């Protein structure tokens, strides 16, 4: 019986971990190289969801800082009519932010895969 419970817990843990990295329908994924091509365009909103300390330490000009922990309140600053491009350190928090806005009814959402780590390697 313990083996069955242990196996079920392991499968549940794997499923939960995998769910964090499975692309979400309606959220576009772009590379840091793709971001470099569009970062200076005016018809998009660029949001860095890292902490203020991380953002102040190093950020991409043109990105607004709205930490993922403040996004439920801070999303009101964002237009639903323009694409929103999210970035964080590695792409995990920005994907979480994208999922939050998707649930709030936003449709034009993009996540930068690899985040600032990928950006700095370009």
PDB file of N, CA and C in Angstrom:
ATOM      1  N   UNK A   1       0.825  -1.201   0.000  1.00  0.00           N
ATOM      2  CA  UNK A   1       0.000   0.000   0.000  1.00  0.00           C
ATOM      3  C   UNK A   1       0.861   1.253   0.000  1.00  0.00           C
ATOM      4  N   UNK A   2       1.944   1.234   0.803  1.00  0.00           N
ATOM      5  CA  UNK A   2       2.844   2.386   0.849  1.00  0.00           C
ATOM      6  C   UNK A   2       3.491   2.649  -0.503  1.00  0.00           C
ATOM      7  N   UNK A   3       3.758   1.595  -1.242  1.00  0.00           N
ATOM      8  CA  UNK A   3       4.364   1.738  -2.567  1.00  0.00           C
ATOM      9  C   UNK A   3       3.406   2.449  -3.523  1.00  0.00           C
ATOM     10  N   UNK A   4       2.141   2.125  -3.446  1.00  0.00           N
ATOM     11  CA  UNK A   4       1.140   2.757  -4.309  1.00  0.00           C
ATOM     12  C   UNK A   4       1.027   4.245  -3.976  1.00  0.00           C
ATOM     13  N   UNK A   5       0.976   4.581  -2.709  1.00  0.00           N
ATOM     14  CA  UNK A   5       0.880   5.984  -2.286  1.00  0.00           C
ATOM     15  C   UNK A   5       2.134   6.745  -2.688  1.00  0.00           C
ATOM     16  N   UNK A   6       3.294   6.146  -2.461  1.00  0.00           N
ATOM     17  CA  UNK A   6       4.554   6.785  -2.850  1.00  0.00           C
ATOM     18  C   UNK A   6       4.601   7.019  -4.358  1.00  0.00           C
ATOM     19  N   UNK A   7       4.206   6.025  -5.122  1.00  0.00           N
ATOM     20  CA  UNK A   7       4.182   6.160  -6.579  1.00  0.00           C
ATOM     21  C   UNK A   7       3.237   7.260  -7.031  1.00  0.00           C
ATOM     22  N   UNK A   8       2.069   7.333  -6.407  1.00  0.00           N
ATOM     23  CA  UNK A   8       1.090   8.368  -6.744  1.00  0.00           C
ATOM     24  C   UNK A   8       1.633   9.755  -6.409  1.00  0.00           C
ATOM     25  N   UNK A   9       2.299   9.865  -5.276  1.00  0.00           N
ATOM     26  CA  UNK A   9       2.880  11.164  -4.900  1.00  0.00           C
ATOM     27  C   UNK A   9       3.988  11.582  -5.860  1.00  0.00           C
ATOM     28  N   UNK A  10       4.791  10.636  -6.279  1.00  0.00           N
ATOM     29  CA  UNK A  10       5.867  10.937  -7.229  1.00  0.00           C
ATOM     30  C   UNK A  10       5.273  11.388  -8.569  1.00  0.00           C
ATOM     31  N   UNK A  11       4.264  10.686  -9.046  1.00  0.00           N
ATOM     32  CA  UNK A  11       3.613  11.078 -10.308  1.00  0.00           C
ATOM     33  C   UNK A  11       2.975  12.455 -10.203  1.00  0.00           C
ATOM     34  N   UNK A  12       2.336  12.743  -9.077  1.00  0.00           N
ATOM     35  CA  UNK A  12       1.722  14.058  -8.885  1.00  0.00           C
ATOM     36  C   UNK A  12       2.783  15.150  -8.879  1.00  0.00           C
ATOM     37  N   UNK A  13       3.904  14.901  -8.220  1.00  0.00           N
ATOM     38  CA  UNK A  13       4.990  15.888  -8.170  1.00  0.00           C
ATOM     39  C   UNK A  13       5.561  16.135  -9.567  1.00  0.00           C
ATOM     40  N   UNK A  14       5.742  15.080 -10.333  1.00  0.00           N
ATOM     41  CA  UNK A  14       6.259  15.223 -11.703  1.00  0.00           C
ATOM     42  C   UNK A  14       5.271  16.012 -12.556  1.00  0.00           C
ATOM     43  N   UNK A  15       3.988  15.702 -12.436  1.00  0.00           N
ATOM     44  CA  UNK A  15       2.966  16.408 -13.206  1.00  0.00           C
ATOM     45  C   UNK A  15       2.941  17.893 -12.857  1.00  0.00           C
ATOM     46  N   UNK A  16       3.005  18.224 -11.563  1.00  0.00           N
ATOM     47  CA  UNK A  16       2.994  19.632 -11.142  1.00  0.00           C
ATOM     48  C   UNK A  16       4.231  20.369 -11.647  1.00  0.00           C
ATOM     49  N   UNK A  17       5.382  19.721 -11.579  1.00  0.00           N
ATOM     50  CA  UNK A  17       6.614  20.349 -12.055  1.00  0.00           C
ATOM     51  C   UNK A  17       6.564  20.548 -13.565  1.00  0.00           C
ATOM     52  N   UNK A  18       6.115  19.548 -14.279  1.00  0.00           N
ATOM     53  CA  UNK A  18       6.034  19.649 -15.742  1.00  0.00           C
ATOM     54  C   UNK A  18       5.038  20.723 -16.165  1.00  0.00           C
ATOM     55  N   UNK A  19       3.954  20.884 -15.428  1.00  0.00           N
ATOM     56  CA  UNK A  19       2.927  21.873 -15.764  1.00  0.00           C
ATOM     57  C   UNK A  19       3.474  23.286 -15.750  1.00  0.00           C
ATOM     58  N   UNK A  20       4.508  23.536 -14.961  1.00  0.00           N
ATOM     59  CA  UNK A  20       5.110  24.871 -14.906  1.00  0.00           C
ATOM     60  C   UNK A  20       5.822  25.226 -16.210  1.00  0.00           C
ATOM     61  N   UNK A  21       6.247  24.232 -16.960  1.00  0.00           N
ATOM     62  CA  UNK A  21       7.041  24.480 -18.154  1.00  0.00           C
ATOM     63  C   UNK A  21       6.324  24.182 -19.465  1.00  0.00           C
ATOM     64  N   UNK A  22       5.133  23.663 -19.388  1.00  0.00           N
ATOM     65  CA  UNK A  22       4.354  23.386 -20.597  1.00  0.00           C
ATOM     66  C   UNK A  22       3.793  24.704 -21.127  1.00  0.00           C
ATOM     67  N   UNK A  23       3.972  24.978 -22.406  1.00  0.00           N
ATOM     68  CA  UNK A  23       3.436  26.222 -22.958  1.00  0.00           C
ATOM     69  C   UNK A  23       1.924  26.323 -22.742  1.00  0.00           C
ATOM     70  N   UNK A  24       1.490  27.525 -22.460  1.00  0.00           N
ATOM     71  CA  UNK A  24       0.071  27.774 -22.223  1.00  0.00           C
ATOM     72  C   UNK A  24      -0.535  28.317 -23.507  1.00  0.00           C
ATOM     73  N   UNK A  25      -1.677  27.778 -23.871  1.00  0.00           N
ATOM     74  CA  UNK A  25      -2.364  28.225 -25.081  1.00  0.00           C
ATOM     75  C   UNK A  25      -2.673  29.715 -24.955  1.00  0.00           C
ATOM     76  N   UNK A  26      -2.314  30.480 -25.978  1.00  0.00           N
ATOM     77  CA  UNK A  26      -2.593  31.911 -25.981  1.00  0.00           C
ATOM     78  C   UNK A  26      -1.457  32.763 -25.444  1.00  0.00           C
ATOM     79  N   UNK A  27      -0.366  32.137 -25.014  1.00  0.00           N
ATOM     80  CA  UNK A  27       0.803  32.891 -24.556  1.00  0.00           C
ATOM     81  C   UNK A  27       1.947  32.598 -25.521  1.00  0.00           C
ATOM     82  N   UNK A  28       2.353  33.628 -26.229  1.00  0.00           N
ATOM     83  CA  UNK A  28       3.425  33.509 -27.208  1.00  0.00           C
ATOM     84  C   UNK A  28       4.772  33.452 -26.485  1.00  0.00           C
ATOM     85  N   UNK A  29       5.691  32.664 -26.989  1.00  0.00           N
ATOM     86  CA  UNK A  29       7.034  32.561 -26.435  1.00  0.00           C
ATOM     87  C   UNK A  29       8.020  33.094 -27.474  1.00  0.00           C
ATOM     88  N   UNK A  30       8.899  34.003 -27.050  1.00  0.00           N
ATOM     89  CA  UNK A  30       9.930  34.500 -27.958  1.00  0.00           C
ATOM     90  C   UNK A  30      11.301  34.357 -27.307  1.00  0.00           C
ATOM     91  N   UNK A  31      12.330  34.363 -28.118  1.00  0.00           N
ATOM     92  CA  UNK A  31      13.704  34.285 -27.622  1.00  0.00           C
ATOM     93  C   UNK A  31      14.224  35.702 -27.344  1.00  0.00           C
ATOM     94  N   UNK A  32      15.344  35.769 -26.654  1.00  0.00           N
ATOM     95  CA  UNK A  32      15.978  37.061 -26.401  1.00  0.00           C
ATOM     96  C   UNK A  32      16.412  37.701 -27.725  1.00  0.00           C
ATOM     97  N   UNK A  33      16.815  36.892 -28.683  1.00  0.00           N
ATOM     98  CA  UNK A  33      17.185  37.415 -30.003  1.00  0.00           C
ATOM     99  C   UNK A  33      15.976  38.064 -30.687  1.00  0.00           C
ATOM    100  N   UNK A  34      14.806  37.435 -30.553  1.00  0.00           N
ATOM    101  CA  UNK A  34      13.575  38.019 -31.103  1.00  0.00           C
ATOM    102  C   UNK A  34      13.244  39.330 -30.398  1.00  0.00           C
ATOM    103  N   UNK A  35      13.444  39.355 -29.080  1.00  0.00           N
ATOM    104  CA  UNK A  35      13.171  40.569 -28.308  1.00  0.00           C
ATOM    105  C   UNK A  35      14.049  41.718 -28.781  1.00  0.00           C
ATOM    106  N   UNK A  36      15.312  41.446 -29.052  1.00  0.00           N
ATOM    107  CA  UNK A  36      16.229  42.500 -29.515  1.00  0.00           C
ATOM    108  C   UNK A  36      15.704  43.181 -30.780  1.00  0.00           C
ATOM    109  N   UNK A  37      15.004  42.435 -31.618  1.00  0.00           N
ATOM    110  CA  UNK A  37      14.480  42.980 -32.871  1.00  0.00           C
ATOM    111  C   UNK A  37      13.293  43.920 -32.654  1.00  0.00           C
ATOM    112  N   UNK A  38      12.578  43.759 -31.543  1.00  0.00           N
ATOM    113  CA  UNK A  38      11.340  44.522 -31.351  1.00  0.00           C
ATOM    114  C   UNK A  38      11.356  45.449 -30.137  1.00  0.00           C
ATOM    115  N   UNK A  39      12.425  45.431 -29.359  1.00  0.00           N
ATOM    116  CA  UNK A  39      12.433  46.135 -28.072  1.00  0.00           C
ATOM    117  C   UNK A  39      12.218  47.645 -28.195  1.00  0.00           C
ATOM    118  N   UNK A  40      12.511  48.222 -29.312  1.00  0.00           N
ATOM    119  CA  UNK A  40      12.358  49.674 -29.459  1.00  0.00           C
ATOM    120  C   UNK A  40      11.043  50.071 -30.135  1.00  0.00           C
ATOM    121  N   UNK A  41      10.176  49.118 -30.382  1.00  0.00           N
ATOM    122  CA  UNK A  41       8.897  49.446 -31.015  1.00  0.00           C
ATOM    123  C   UNK A  41       7.967  50.101 -30.001  1.00  0.00           C
ATOM    124  N   UNK A  42       7.104  50.939 -30.481  1.00  0.00           N
ATOM    125  CA  UNK A  42       6.220  51.727 -29.607  1.00  0.00           C
ATOM    126  C   UNK A  42       4.850  51.096 -29.389  1.00  0.00           C
ATOM    127  N   UNK A  43       4.479  50.138 -30.200  1.00  0.00           N
ATOM    128  CA  UNK A  43       3.118  49.596 -30.119  1.00  0.00           C
ATOM    129  C   UNK A  43       2.999  48.390 -29.183  1.00  0.00           C
ATOM    130  N   UNK A  44       3.971  48.217 -28.298  1.00  0.00           N
ATOM    131  CA  UNK A  44       3.963  47.109 -27.342  1.00  0.00           C
ATOM    132  C   UNK A  44       4.227  47.644 -25.938  1.00  0.00           C
ATOM    133  N   UNK A  45       3.875  46.829 -24.942  1.00  0.00           N
ATOM    134  CA  UNK A  45       4.162  47.154 -23.544  1.00  0.00           C
ATOM    135  C   UNK A  45       5.192  46.151 -23.042  1.00  0.00           C
ATOM    136  N   UNK A  46       6.257  46.645 -22.464  1.00  0.00           N
ATOM    137  CA  UNK A  46       7.330  45.795 -21.975  1.00  0.00           C
ATOM    138  C   UNK A  46       7.327  45.833 -20.457  1.00  0.00           C
ATOM    139  N   UNK A  47       7.203  44.652 -19.828  1.00  0.00           N
ATOM    140  CA  UNK A  47       7.086  44.578 -18.372  1.00  0.00           C
ATOM    141  C   UNK A  47       8.116  43.608 -17.811  1.00  0.00           C
ATOM    142  N   UNK A  48       8.899  44.101 -16.860  1.00  0.00           N
ATOM    143  CA  UNK A  48       9.877  43.311 -16.123  1.00  0.00           C
ATOM    144  C   UNK A  48       9.231  42.947 -14.793  1.00  0.00           C
ATOM    145  N   UNK A  49       9.033  41.668 -14.526  1.00  0.00           N
ATOM    146  CA  UNK A  49       8.306  41.232 -13.332  1.00  0.00           C
ATOM    147  C   UNK A  49       9.223  40.847 -12.169  1.00  0.00           C
ATOM    148  N   UNK A  50      10.502  41.176 -12.278  1.00  0.00           N
ATOM    149  CA  UNK A  50      11.416  40.888 -11.176  1.00  0.00           C
ATOM    150  C   UNK A  50      11.179  41.863 -10.017  1.00  0.00           C
ATOM    151  N   UNK A  51      11.849  41.630  -8.912  1.00  0.00           N
ATOM    152  CA  UNK A  51      11.732  42.523  -7.760  1.00  0.00           C
ATOM    153  C   UNK A  51      12.338  43.878  -8.109  1.00  0.00           C
ATOM    154  N   UNK A  52      11.948  44.929  -7.398  1.00  0.00           N
ATOM    155  CA  UNK A  52      12.557  46.242  -7.650  1.00  0.00           C
ATOM    156  C   UNK A  52      14.080  46.223  -7.513  1.00  0.00           C
ATOM    157  N   UNK A  53      14.601  45.468  -6.560  1.00  0.00           N
ATOM    158  CA  UNK A  53      16.061  45.390  -6.384  1.00  0.00           C
ATOM    159  C   UNK A  53      16.729  44.777  -7.611  1.00  0.00           C
ATOM    160  N   UNK A  54      16.145  43.704  -8.143  1.00  0.00           N
ATOM    161  CA  UNK A  54      16.695  43.088  -9.351  1.00  0.00           C
ATOM    162  C   UNK A  54      16.613  44.055 -10.528  1.00  0.00           C
ATOM    163  N   UNK A  55      15.467  44.689 -10.670  1.00  0.00           N
ATOM    164  CA  UNK A  55      15.239  45.630 -11.769  1.00  0.00           C
ATOM    165  C   UNK A  55      16.225  46.793 -11.705  1.00  0.00           C
ATOM    166  N   UNK A  56      16.395  47.367 -10.506  1.00  0.00           N
ATOM    167  CA  UNK A  56      17.309  48.507 -10.349  1.00  0.00           C
ATOM    168  C   UNK A  56      18.762  48.116 -10.575  1.00  0.00           C
ATOM    169  N   UNK A  57      19.086  46.855 -10.326  1.00  0.00           N
ATOM    170  CA  UNK A  57      20.452  46.385 -10.551  1.00  0.00           C
ATOM    171  C   UNK A  57      20.814  46.298 -12.015  1.00  0.00           C
ATOM    172  N   UNK A  58      19.840  45.966 -12.853  1.00  0.00           N
ATOM    173  CA  UNK A  58      20.079  45.822 -14.285  1.00  0.00           C
ATOM    174  C   UNK A  58      18.738  45.582 -14.972  1.00  0.00           C
ATOM    175  N   UNK A  59      18.392  46.431 -15.916  1.00  0.00           N
ATOM    176  CA  UNK A  59      17.157  46.224 -16.672  1.00  0.00           C
ATOM    177  C   UNK A  59      17.320  46.734 -18.096  1.00  0.00           C
ATOM    178  N   UNK A  60      16.394  46.334 -18.920  1.00  0.00           N
ATOM    179  CA  UNK A  60      16.390  46.745 -20.318  1.00  0.00           C
ATOM    180  C   UNK A  60      15.635  48.068 -20.414  1.00  0.00           C
ATOM    181  N   UNK A  61      16.249  49.098 -21.005  1.00  0.00           N
ATOM    182  CA  UNK A  61      15.537  50.373 -21.172  1.00  0.00           C
ATOM    183  C   UNK A  61      14.213  50.162 -21.913  1.00  0.00           C
ATOM    184  N   UNK A  62      13.179  50.820 -21.417  1.00  0.00           N
ATOM    185  CA  UNK A  62      11.854  50.693 -22.017  1.00  0.00           C
ATOM    186  C   UNK A  62      10.952  49.713 -21.287  1.00  0.00           C
ATOM    187  N   UNK A  63      11.524  48.900 -20.399  1.00  0.00           N
ATOM    188  CA  UNK A  63      10.726  47.963 -19.619  1.00  0.00           C
ATOM    189  C   UNK A  63      10.261  48.632 -18.335  1.00  0.00           C
ATOM    190  N   UNK A  64       8.996  48.445 -18.028  1.00  0.00           N
ATOM    191  CA  UNK A  64       8.387  48.951 -16.798  1.00  0.00           C
ATOM    192  C   UNK A  64       8.458  47.843 -15.750  1.00  0.00           C
ATOM    193  N   UNK A  65       8.755  48.196 -14.517  1.00  0.00           N
ATOM    194  CA  UNK A  65       8.841  47.197 -13.453  1.00  0.00           C
ATOM    195  C   UNK A  65       7.500  47.052 -12.735  1.00  0.00           C
ATOM    196  N   UNK A  66       6.886  45.887 -12.899  1.00  0.00           N
ATOM    197  CA  UNK A  66       5.707  45.503 -12.122  1.00  0.00           C
ATOM    198  C   UNK A  66       6.016  44.098 -11.594  1.00  0.00           C
ATOM    199  N   UNK A  67       6.471  43.995 -10.353  1.00  0.00           N
ATOM    200  CA  UNK A  67       6.801  42.666  -9.813  1.00  0.00           C
ATOM    201  C   UNK A  67       5.622  41.709  -9.922  1.00  0.00           C
ATOM    202  N   UNK A  68       5.910  40.452 -10.175  1.00  0.00           N
ATOM    203  CA  UNK A  68       4.845  39.463 -10.344  1.00  0.00           C
ATOM    204  C   UNK A  68       3.934  39.428  -9.125  1.00  0.00           C
ATOM    205  N   UNK A  69       4.485  39.714  -7.945  1.00  0.00           N
ATOM    206  CA  UNK A  69       3.667  39.713  -6.721  1.00  0.00           C
ATOM    207  C   UNK A  69       2.669  40.870  -6.693  1.00  0.00           C
ATOM    208  N   UNK A  70       2.894  41.908  -7.491  1.00  0.00           N
ATOM    209  CA  UNK A  70       2.007  43.073  -7.543  1.00  0.00           C
ATOM    210  C   UNK A  70       1.121  43.087  -8.784  1.00  0.00           C
ATOM    211  N   UNK A  71       1.208  42.073  -9.599  1.00  0.00           N
ATOM    212  CA  UNK A  71       0.566  42.099 -10.913  1.00  0.00           C
ATOM    213  C   UNK A  71      -0.955  42.117 -10.851  1.00  0.00           C
ATOM    214  N   UNK A  72      -1.543  41.448  -9.894  1.00  0.00           N
ATOM    215  CA  UNK A  72      -3.007  41.432  -9.816  1.00  0.00           C
ATOM    216  C   UNK A  72      -3.526  42.852  -9.625  1.00  0.00           C
ATOM    217  N   UNK A  73      -2.828  43.645  -8.796  1.00  0.00           N
ATOM    218  CA  UNK A  73      -3.214  45.059  -8.634  1.00  0.00           C
ATOM    219  C   UNK A  73      -2.675  45.907  -9.778  1.00  0.00           C
ATOM    220  N   UNK A  74      -1.432  45.665 -10.168  1.00  0.00           N
ATOM    221  CA  UNK A  74      -0.758  46.500 -11.149  1.00  0.00           C
ATOM    222  C   UNK A  74      -1.202  46.318 -12.582  1.00  0.00           C
ATOM    223  N   UNK A  75      -1.976  45.285 -12.877  1.00  0.00           N
ATOM    224  CA  UNK A  75      -2.382  45.042 -14.267  1.00  0.00           C
ATOM    225  C   UNK A  75      -3.266  46.163 -14.802  1.00  0.00           C
ATOM    226  N   UNK A  76      -3.846  46.960 -13.924  1.00  0.00           N
ATOM    227  CA  UNK A  76      -4.717  48.042 -14.369  1.00  0.00           C
ATOM    228  C   UNK A  76      -3.938  49.132 -15.107  1.00  0.00           C
ATOM    229  N   UNK A  77      -2.625  49.145 -14.929  1.00  0.00           N
ATOM    230  CA  UNK A  77      -1.772  50.104 -15.646  1.00  0.00           C
ATOM    231  C   UNK A  77      -1.558  49.683 -17.104  1.00  0.00           C
ATOM    232  N   UNK A  78      -1.932  48.465 -17.427  1.00  0.00           N
ATOM    233  CA  UNK A  78      -1.646  47.913 -18.746  1.00  0.00           C
ATOM    234  C   UNK A  78      -2.862  47.966 -19.660  1.00  0.00           C
ATOM    235  N   UNK A  79      -2.593  48.215 -20.929  1.00  0.00           N
ATOM    236  CA  UNK A  79      -3.651  48.266 -21.936  1.00  0.00           C
ATOM    237  C   UNK A  79      -3.930  46.860 -22.467  1.00  0.00           C
ATOM    238  N   UNK A  80      -5.187  46.551 -22.631  1.00  0.00           N
ATOM    239  CA  UNK A  80      -5.573  45.263 -23.208  1.00  0.00           C
ATOM    240  C   UNK A  80      -5.429  45.283 -24.732  1.00  0.00           C
ATOM    241  N   UNK A  81      -5.258  46.468 -25.299  1.00  0.00           N
ATOM    242  CA  UNK A  81      -5.193  46.607 -26.752  1.00  0.00           C
ATOM    243  C   UNK A  81      -3.797  46.409 -27.328  1.00  0.00           C
ATOM    244  N   UNK A  82      -2.775  46.504 -26.492  1.00  0.00           N
ATOM    245  CA  UNK A  82      -1.397  46.355 -26.960  1.00  0.00           C
ATOM    246  C   UNK A  82      -0.789  45.068 -26.418  1.00  0.00           C
ATOM    247  N   UNK A  83       0.096  44.489 -27.209  1.00  0.00           N
ATOM    248  CA  UNK A  83       0.807  43.294 -26.771  1.00  0.00           C
ATOM    249  C   UNK A  83       1.634  43.611 -25.520  1.00  0.00           C
ATOM    250  N   UNK A  84       1.635  42.688 -24.569  1.00  0.00           N
ATOM    251  CA  UNK A  84       2.431  42.822 -23.358  1.00  0.00           C
ATOM    252  C   UNK A  84       3.535  41.769 -23.414  1.00  0.00           C
ATOM    253  N   UNK A  85       4.772  42.219 -23.297  1.00  0.00           N
ATOM    254  CA  UNK A  85       5.912  41.314 -23.322  1.00  0.00           C
ATOM    255  C   UNK A  85       6.526  41.283 -21.929  1.00  0.00           C
ATOM    256  N   UNK A  86       6.564  40.085 -21.334  1.00  0.00           N
ATOM    257  CA  UNK A  86       7.085  39.898 -19.980  1.00  0.00           C
ATOM    258  C   UNK A  86       8.490  39.328 -19.999  1.00  0.00           C
ATOM    259  N   UNK A  87       9.301  39.796 -19.027  1.00  0.00           N
ATOM    260  CA  UNK A  87      10.632  39.237 -18.821  1.00  0.00           C
ATOM    261  C   UNK A  87      10.899  39.165 -17.317  1.00  0.00           C
ATOM    262  N   UNK A  88      11.734  38.216 -16.924  1.00  0.00           N
ATOM    263  CA  UNK A  88      12.211  38.101 -15.546  1.00  0.00           C
ATOM    264  C   UNK A  88      13.657  37.607 -15.622  1.00  0.00           C
ATOM    265  N   UNK A  89      14.145  37.001 -14.581  1.00  0.00           N
ATOM    266  CA  UNK A  89      15.531  36.523 -14.591  1.00  0.00           C
ATOM    267  C   UNK A  89      15.710  35.330 -15.527  1.00  0.00           C
ATOM    268  N   UNK A  90      14.823  34.337 -15.414  1.00  0.00           N
ATOM    269  CA  UNK A  90      15.009  33.103 -16.179  1.00  0.00           C
ATOM    270  C   UNK A  90      13.839  32.706 -17.075  1.00  0.00           C
ATOM    271  N   UNK A  91      12.721  33.402 -16.943  1.00  0.00           N
ATOM    272  CA  UNK A  91      11.540  33.077 -17.737  1.00  0.00           C
ATOM    273  C   UNK A  91      10.445  32.387 -16.947  1.00  0.00           C
ATOM    274  N   UNK A  92      10.712  32.000 -15.711  1.00  0.00           N
ATOM    275  CA  UNK A  92       9.710  31.293 -14.908  1.00  0.00           C
ATOM    276  C   UNK A  92       8.678  32.273 -14.340  1.00  0.00           C
ATOM    277  N   UNK A  93       9.142  33.346 -13.693  1.00  0.00           N
ATOM    278  CA  UNK A  93       8.205  34.332 -13.132  1.00  0.00           C
ATOM    279  C   UNK A  93       7.439  35.052 -14.226  1.00  0.00           C
ATOM    280  N   UNK A  94       8.098  35.317 -15.347  1.00  0.00           N
ATOM    281  CA  UNK A  94       7.401  36.007 -16.436  1.00  0.00           C
ATOM    282  C   UNK A  94       6.311  35.119 -17.039  1.00  0.00           C
ATOM    283  N   UNK A  95       6.542  33.814 -17.095  1.00  0.00           N
ATOM    284  CA  UNK A  95       5.499  32.907 -17.568  1.00  0.00           C
ATOM    285  C   UNK A  95       4.351  32.878 -16.561  1.00  0.00           C
ATOM    286  N   UNK A  96       4.670  32.917 -15.281  1.00  0.00           N
ATOM    287  CA  UNK A  96       3.628  32.983 -14.254  1.00  0.00           C
ATOM    288  C   UNK A  96       2.816  34.263 -14.426  1.00  0.00           C
ATOM    289  N   UNK A  97       3.493  35.383 -14.675  1.00  0.00           N
ATOM    290  CA  UNK A  97       2.806  36.660 -14.895  1.00  0.00           C
ATOM    291  C   UNK A  97       1.903  36.581 -16.115  1.00  0.00           C
ATOM    292  N   UNK A  98       2.398  35.970 -17.172  1.00  0.00           N
ATOM    293  CA  UNK A  98       1.598  35.818 -18.395  1.00  0.00           C
ATOM    294  C   UNK A  98       0.346  34.996 -18.122  1.00  0.00           C
ATOM    295  N   UNK A  99       0.484  33.937 -17.336  1.00  0.00           N
ATOM    296  CA  UNK A  99      -0.669  33.102 -16.990  1.00  0.00           C
ATOM    297  C   UNK A  99      -1.691  33.890 -16.168  1.00  0.00           C
ATOM    298  N   UNK A 100      -1.204  34.727 -15.256  1.00  0.00           N
ATOM    299  CA  UNK A 100      -2.098  35.553 -14.438  1.00  0.00           C
ATOM    300  C   UNK A 100      -2.928  36.468 -15.336  1.00  0.00           C
ATOM    301  N   UNK A 101      -2.249  37.167 -16.258  1.00  0.00           N
ATOM    302  CA  UNK A 101      -2.989  38.085 -17.129  1.00  0.00           C
ATOM    303  C   UNK A 101      -3.920  37.339 -18.078  1.00  0.00           C
ATOM    304  N   UNK A 102      -3.513  36.163 -18.507  1.00  0.00           N
ATOM    305  CA  UNK A 102      -4.388  35.351 -19.368  1.00  0.00           C
ATOM    306  C   UNK A 102      -5.686  35.042 -18.625  1.00  0.00           C
ATOM    307  N   UNK A 103      -5.577  34.683 -17.347  1.00  0.00           N
ATOM    308  CA  UNK A 103      -6.768  34.390 -16.542  1.00  0.00           C
ATOM    309  C   UNK A 103      -7.616  35.638 -16.309  1.00  0.00           C
ATOM    310  N   UNK A 104      -6.973  36.817 -16.353  1.00  0.00           N
ATOM    311  CA  UNK A 104      -7.699  38.078 -16.175  1.00  0.00           C
ATOM    312  C   UNK A 104      -8.319  38.582 -17.481  1.00  0.00           C
ATOM    313  N   UNK A 105      -8.151  37.813 -18.558  1.00  0.00           N
ATOM    314  CA  UNK A 105      -8.798  38.149 -19.812  1.00  0.00           C
ATOM    315  C   UNK A 105      -7.934  38.867 -20.834  1.00  0.00           C
ATOM    316  N   UNK A 106      -6.648  39.057 -20.564  1.00  0.00           N
ATOM    317  CA  UNK A 106      -5.756  39.665 -21.547  1.00  0.00           C
ATOM    318  C   UNK A 106      -5.472  38.638 -22.641  1.00  0.00           C
ATOM    319  N   UNK A 107      -5.318  39.110 -23.867  1.00  0.00           N
ATOM    320  CA  UNK A 107      -5.120  38.191 -24.983  1.00  0.00           C
ATOM    321  C   UNK A 107      -3.773  38.325 -25.681  1.00  0.00           C
ATOM    322  N   UNK A 108      -3.196  39.502 -25.689  1.00  0.00           N
ATOM    323  CA  UNK A 108      -1.942  39.732 -26.417  1.00  0.00           C
ATOM    324  C   UNK A 108      -0.785  39.667 -25.424  1.00  0.00           C
ATOM    325  N   UNK A 109      -0.337  38.433 -25.140  1.00  0.00           N
ATOM    326  CA  UNK A 109       0.653  38.201 -24.089  1.00  0.00           C
ATOM    327  C   UNK A 109       1.829  37.415 -24.659  1.00  0.00           C
ATOM    328  N   UNK A 110       3.044  37.878 -24.327  1.00  0.00           N
ATOM    329  CA  UNK A 110       4.261  37.220 -24.800  1.00  0.00           C
ATOM    330  C   UNK A 110       5.238  37.078 -23.642  1.00  0.00           C
ATOM    331  N   UNK A 111       5.920  35.948 -23.596  1.00  0.00           N
ATOM    332  CA  UNK A 111       6.933  35.677 -22.584  1.00  0.00           C
ATOM    333  C   UNK A 111       8.291  35.533 -23.265  1.00  0.00           C
ATOM    334  N   UNK A 112       9.323  36.109 -22.645  1.00  0.00           N
ATOM    335  CA  UNK A 112      10.686  35.969 -23.164  1.00  0.00           C
ATOM    336  C   UNK A 112      11.308  34.721 -22.527  1.00  0.00           C
ATOM    337  N   UNK A 113      11.528  33.697 -23.343  1.00  0.00           N
ATOM    338  CA  UNK A 113      12.131  32.451 -22.858  1.00  0.00           C
ATOM    339  C   UNK A 113      13.563  32.723 -22.392  1.00  0.00           C
ATOM    340  N   UNK A 114      13.887  32.244 -21.220  1.00  0.00           N
ATOM    341  CA  UNK A 114      15.253  32.404 -20.712  1.00  0.00           C
ATOM    342  C   UNK A 114      15.495  33.722 -20.023  1.00  0.00           C
ATOM    343  N   UNK A 115      14.565  34.656 -20.137  1.00  0.00           N
ATOM    344  CA  UNK A 115      14.629  35.926 -19.414  1.00  0.00           C
ATOM    345  C   UNK A 115      15.903  36.727 -19.603  1.00  0.00           C
ATOM    346  N   UNK A 116      16.261  37.448 -18.544  1.00  0.00           N
ATOM    347  CA  UNK A 116      17.446  38.313 -18.582  1.00  0.00           C
ATOM    348  C   UNK A 116      18.729  37.510 -18.770  1.00  0.00           C
ATOM    349  N   UNK A 117      18.727  36.268 -18.313  1.00  0.00           N
ATOM    350  CA  UNK A 117      19.903  35.416 -18.510  1.00  0.00           C
ATOM    351  C   UNK A 117      20.183  35.262 -20.001  1.00  0.00           C
ATOM    352  N   UNK A 118      19.150  34.976 -20.783  1.00  0.00           N
ATOM    353  CA  UNK A 118      19.317  34.858 -22.242  1.00  0.00           C
ATOM    354  C   UNK A 118      19.640  36.201 -22.880  1.00  0.00           C
ATOM    355  N   UNK A 119      18.995  37.260 -22.391  1.00  0.00           N
ATOM    356  CA  UNK A 119      19.234  38.602 -22.921  1.00  0.00           C
ATOM    357  C   UNK A 119      20.719  38.976 -22.782  1.00  0.00           C
ATOM    358  N   UNK A 120      21.277  38.715 -21.640  1.00  0.00           N
ATOM    359  CA  UNK A 120      22.672  39.089 -21.374  1.00  0.00           C
ATOM    360  C   UNK A 120      23.658  38.245 -22.168  1.00  0.00           C
ATOM    361  N   UNK A 121      23.241  37.090 -22.642  1.00  0.00           N
ATOM    362  CA  UNK A 121      24.117  36.233 -23.446  1.00  0.00           C
ATOM    363  C   UNK A 121      24.099  36.617 -24.916  1.00  0.00           C
ATOM    364  N   UNK A 122      23.189  37.507 -25.304  1.00  0.00           N
ATOM    365  CA  UNK A 122      23.085  37.934 -26.708  1.00  0.00           C
ATOM    366  C   UNK A 122      24.206  38.891 -27.067  1.00  0.00           C
TER     367      UNK A 122
END
